[in-house]
């Protein structure tokens, strides 16, 4: 078994997809909240999201610079600890080395890596599509 199989498997796609989706939900809810609380009037949710996104991109708050970028990593780690879908490579390592109860930290590390990869892929994909529409 190749160590690269840890990230090229359906389990990693599952964790990465869920982490990216949860991150987008959090960002959208945050944008709605910021848009509704801004001085610019936003009668619809779509306008609130647009204004909130604009404010999030222009501000240097700790939420904008630390919390939101950490979301996919944290979500990936938590999802990997909860969802019992893990690659065979990790399961073989845990059974071979008799890891025991600390295996949860191995799962969380793998999930954090999946979340980080998901965030990178989503970011690059959005940049590609943004260039095409401009």
C-alpha atoms as a PDB file:
ATOM      1  CA  UNK A   1       0.000   0.000   0.000  1.00  0.00           C
ATOM      2  CA  UNK A   2       1.181   3.419  -0.943  1.00  0.00           C
ATOM      3  CA  UNK A   3       1.035   6.232   1.649  1.00  0.00           C
ATOM      4  CA  UNK A   4      -0.499   8.578  -0.940  1.00  0.00           C
ATOM      5  CA  UNK A   5      -3.595   6.356  -0.842  1.00  0.00           C
ATOM      6  CA  UNK A   6      -4.500   8.111   2.394  1.00  0.00           C
ATOM      7  CA  UNK A   7      -5.688  11.147   0.412  1.00  0.00           C
ATOM      8  CA  UNK A   8      -6.727   9.372  -2.813  1.00  0.00           C
ATOM      9  CA  UNK A   9      -9.680   7.344  -1.613  1.00  0.00           C
ATOM     10  CA  UNK A  10     -13.416   7.731  -1.354  1.00  0.00           C
ATOM     11  CA  UNK A  11     -13.207   8.223   2.425  1.00  0.00           C
ATOM     12  CA  UNK A  12     -10.981  11.279   1.974  1.00  0.00           C
ATOM     13  CA  UNK A  13     -13.365  12.664  -0.650  1.00  0.00           C
ATOM     14  CA  UNK A  14     -16.254  12.188   1.766  1.00  0.00           C
ATOM     15  CA  UNK A  15     -14.540  13.993   4.630  1.00  0.00           C
ATOM     16  CA  UNK A  16     -13.169  16.730   2.359  1.00  0.00           C
ATOM     17  CA  UNK A  17     -16.523  17.328   0.690  1.00  0.00           C
ATOM     18  CA  UNK A  18     -18.385  17.530   3.974  1.00  0.00           C
ATOM     19  CA  UNK A  19     -15.771  19.831   5.508  1.00  0.00           C
ATOM     20  CA  UNK A  20     -15.902  22.149   2.496  1.00  0.00           C
ATOM     21  CA  UNK A  21     -19.705  22.180   2.515  1.00  0.00           C
ATOM     22  CA  UNK A  22     -19.882  22.912   6.237  1.00  0.00           C
ATOM     23  CA  UNK A  23     -17.353  25.713   5.822  1.00  0.00           C
ATOM     24  CA  UNK A  24     -19.401  27.289   3.039  1.00  0.00           C
ATOM     25  CA  UNK A  25     -22.528  27.121   5.218  1.00  0.00           C
ATOM     26  CA  UNK A  26     -20.709  28.850   8.083  1.00  0.00           C
ATOM     27  CA  UNK A  27     -19.324  31.539   5.763  1.00  0.00           C
ATOM     28  CA  UNK A  28     -22.741  32.163   4.206  1.00  0.00           C
ATOM     29  CA  UNK A  29     -24.462  32.424   7.589  1.00  0.00           C
ATOM     30  CA  UNK A  30     -21.728  34.767   8.771  1.00  0.00           C
ATOM     31  CA  UNK A  31     -22.112  36.883   5.608  1.00  0.00           C
ATOM     32  CA  UNK A  32     -25.881  37.097   6.117  1.00  0.00           C
ATOM     33  CA  UNK A  33     -25.409  38.211   9.709  1.00  0.00           C
ATOM     34  CA  UNK A  34     -22.813  40.833   8.761  1.00  0.00           C
ATOM     35  CA  UNK A  35     -24.924  42.033   5.860  1.00  0.00           C
ATOM     36  CA  UNK A  36     -28.029  42.449   8.004  1.00  0.00           C
ATOM     37  CA  UNK A  37     -26.098  44.332  10.696  1.00  0.00           C
ATOM     38  CA  UNK A  38     -24.355  46.711   8.287  1.00  0.00           C
ATOM     39  CA  UNK A  39     -25.351  50.305   7.690  1.00  0.00           C
ATOM     40  CA  UNK A  40     -26.186  49.418   4.088  1.00  0.00           C
ATOM     41  CA  UNK A  41     -29.831  48.439   3.816  1.00  0.00           C
ATOM     42  CA  UNK A  42     -30.266  44.804   2.741  1.00  0.00           C
ATOM     43  CA  UNK A  43     -33.938  43.861   2.348  1.00  0.00           C
ATOM     44  CA  UNK A  44     -33.233  40.425   0.839  1.00  0.00           C
ATOM     45  CA  UNK A  45     -30.989  37.582   1.938  1.00  0.00           C
ATOM     46  CA  UNK A  46     -29.142  37.653  -1.388  1.00  0.00           C
ATOM     47  CA  UNK A  47     -28.215  41.293  -0.863  1.00  0.00           C
ATOM     48  CA  UNK A  48     -27.218  40.580   2.749  1.00  0.00           C
ATOM     49  CA  UNK A  49     -24.886  37.816   1.561  1.00  0.00           C
ATOM     50  CA  UNK A  50     -23.349  40.121  -1.040  1.00  0.00           C
ATOM     51  CA  UNK A  51     -22.786  42.951   1.464  1.00  0.00           C
ATOM     52  CA  UNK A  52     -21.564  40.548   4.150  1.00  0.00           C
ATOM     53  CA  UNK A  53     -19.085  38.974   1.745  1.00  0.00           C
ATOM     54  CA  UNK A  54     -17.822  42.399   0.747  1.00  0.00           C
ATOM     55  CA  UNK A  55     -17.370  43.345   4.410  1.00  0.00           C
ATOM     56  CA  UNK A  56     -15.675  40.029   5.202  1.00  0.00           C
ATOM     57  CA  UNK A  57     -13.165  40.513   2.372  1.00  0.00           C
ATOM     58  CA  UNK A  58     -12.360  44.087   3.414  1.00  0.00           C
ATOM     59  CA  UNK A  59     -12.111  43.613   7.197  1.00  0.00           C
ATOM     60  CA  UNK A  60      -9.202  42.447   9.290  1.00  0.00           C
ATOM     61  CA  UNK A  61     -11.033  40.919  12.236  1.00  0.00           C
ATOM     62  CA  UNK A  62      -9.881  37.779  13.998  1.00  0.00           C
ATOM     63  CA  UNK A  63     -12.926  35.942  12.678  1.00  0.00           C
ATOM     64  CA  UNK A  64     -12.071  36.869   9.088  1.00  0.00           C
ATOM     65  CA  UNK A  65      -8.360  36.092   9.367  1.00  0.00           C
ATOM     66  CA  UNK A  66      -8.207  33.143  11.806  1.00  0.00           C
ATOM     67  CA  UNK A  67     -11.541  31.505  12.585  1.00  0.00           C
ATOM     68  CA  UNK A  68     -13.002  31.165   9.083  1.00  0.00           C
ATOM     69  CA  UNK A  69      -9.780  29.872   7.466  1.00  0.00           C
ATOM     70  CA  UNK A  70      -9.467  27.296  10.280  1.00  0.00           C
ATOM     71  CA  UNK A  71     -13.022  26.009   9.808  1.00  0.00           C
ATOM     72  CA  UNK A  72     -12.308  23.354   7.123  1.00  0.00           C
ATOM     73  CA  UNK A  73      -9.395  21.960   9.130  1.00  0.00           C
ATOM     74  CA  UNK A  74     -11.427  21.780  12.341  1.00  0.00           C
ATOM     75  CA  UNK A  75     -14.473  20.387  10.547  1.00  0.00           C
ATOM     76  CA  UNK A  76     -12.336  17.762   8.803  1.00  0.00           C
ATOM     77  CA  UNK A  77     -10.779  16.657  12.090  1.00  0.00           C
ATOM     78  CA  UNK A  78     -14.146  16.455  13.852  1.00  0.00           C
ATOM     79  CA  UNK A  79     -15.813  14.627  10.977  1.00  0.00           C
ATOM     80  CA  UNK A  80     -12.990  12.090  10.757  1.00  0.00           C
ATOM     81  CA  UNK A  81     -13.358  11.388  14.469  1.00  0.00           C
ATOM     82  CA  UNK A  82     -17.126  10.903  14.175  1.00  0.00           C
ATOM     83  CA  UNK A  83     -17.674   9.207  10.807  1.00  0.00           C
ATOM     84  CA  UNK A  84     -16.372   5.628  10.804  1.00  0.00           C
ATOM     85  CA  UNK A  85     -15.164   5.741   7.180  1.00  0.00           C
ATOM     86  CA  UNK A  86     -11.384   5.526   7.169  1.00  0.00           C
ATOM     87  CA  UNK A  87      -8.878   4.399   4.537  1.00  0.00           C
ATOM     88  CA  UNK A  88      -7.454   0.903   4.697  1.00  0.00           C
ATOM     89  CA  UNK A  89      -3.937   2.308   5.025  1.00  0.00           C
ATOM     90  CA  UNK A  90      -4.783   4.033   8.304  1.00  0.00           C
ATOM     91  CA  UNK A  91      -6.691   1.032   9.620  1.00  0.00           C
ATOM     92  CA  UNK A  92      -3.770  -1.266   8.775  1.00  0.00           C
ATOM     93  CA  UNK A  93      -1.359   1.060  10.581  1.00  0.00           C
ATOM     94  CA  UNK A  94      -3.534   1.155  13.693  1.00  0.00           C
ATOM     95  CA  UNK A  95      -3.964  -2.616  13.864  1.00  0.00           C
ATOM     96  CA  UNK A  96      -0.283  -3.292  13.103  1.00  0.00           C
ATOM     97  CA  UNK A  97       1.050  -0.907  15.740  1.00  0.00           C
ATOM     98  CA  UNK A  98      -1.614  -1.654  18.363  1.00  0.00           C
ATOM     99  CA  UNK A  99      -2.401   2.019  18.810  1.00  0.00           C
ATOM    100  CA  UNK A 100      -5.527   1.516  20.917  1.00  0.00           C
ATOM    101  CA  UNK A 101      -7.598   4.409  22.199  1.00  0.00           C
ATOM    102  CA  UNK A 102      -5.273   7.116  20.899  1.00  0.00           C
ATOM    103  CA  UNK A 103      -6.274   6.126  17.347  1.00  0.00           C
ATOM    104  CA  UNK A 104      -8.807   8.947  17.466  1.00  0.00           C
ATOM    105  CA  UNK A 105      -5.934  11.435  17.195  1.00  0.00           C
ATOM    106  CA  UNK A 106      -4.657   9.675  14.073  1.00  0.00           C
ATOM    107  CA  UNK A 107      -8.144   9.890  12.567  1.00  0.00           C
ATOM    108  CA  UNK A 108      -8.359  13.560  13.477  1.00  0.00           C
ATOM    109  CA  UNK A 109      -4.967  14.304  11.916  1.00  0.00           C
ATOM    110  CA  UNK A 110      -6.045  12.584   8.723  1.00  0.00           C
ATOM    111  CA  UNK A 111      -9.328  14.506   8.751  1.00  0.00           C
ATOM    112  CA  UNK A 112      -7.529  17.809   9.288  1.00  0.00           C
ATOM    113  CA  UNK A 113      -5.356  17.077   6.254  1.00  0.00           C
ATOM    114  CA  UNK A 114      -8.474  16.242   4.222  1.00  0.00           C
ATOM    115  CA  UNK A 115     -10.093  19.510   5.304  1.00  0.00           C
ATOM    116  CA  UNK A 116      -7.011  21.503   4.389  1.00  0.00           C
ATOM    117  CA  UNK A 117      -6.839  19.882   0.950  1.00  0.00           C
ATOM    118  CA  UNK A 118     -10.568  20.526   0.457  1.00  0.00           C
ATOM    119  CA  UNK A 119     -10.170  24.201   1.316  1.00  0.00           C
ATOM    120  CA  UNK A 120      -7.265  24.530  -1.106  1.00  0.00           C
ATOM    121  CA  UNK A 121      -9.170  22.817  -3.935  1.00  0.00           C
ATOM    122  CA  UNK A 122     -12.337  24.874  -3.351  1.00  0.00           C
ATOM    123  CA  UNK A 123     -10.313  28.093  -3.246  1.00  0.00           C
ATOM    124  CA  UNK A 124      -8.498  27.337  -6.500  1.00  0.00           C
ATOM    125  CA  UNK A 125     -11.728  26.235  -8.205  1.00  0.00           C
ATOM    126  CA  UNK A 126     -13.531  29.418  -7.199  1.00  0.00           C
ATOM    127  CA  UNK A 127     -10.630  31.518  -8.506  1.00  0.00           C
ATOM    128  CA  UNK A 128     -10.772  29.721 -11.862  1.00  0.00           C
ATOM    129  CA  UNK A 129     -14.510  30.264 -12.248  1.00  0.00           C
ATOM    130  CA  UNK A 130     -14.252  33.869 -11.075  1.00  0.00           C
ATOM    131  CA  UNK A 131     -11.698  34.607 -13.813  1.00  0.00           C
ATOM    132  CA  UNK A 132     -13.978  33.069 -16.457  1.00  0.00           C
ATOM    133  CA  UNK A 133     -16.931  35.245 -15.466  1.00  0.00           C
ATOM    134  CA  UNK A 134     -14.997  38.536 -15.472  1.00  0.00           C
END
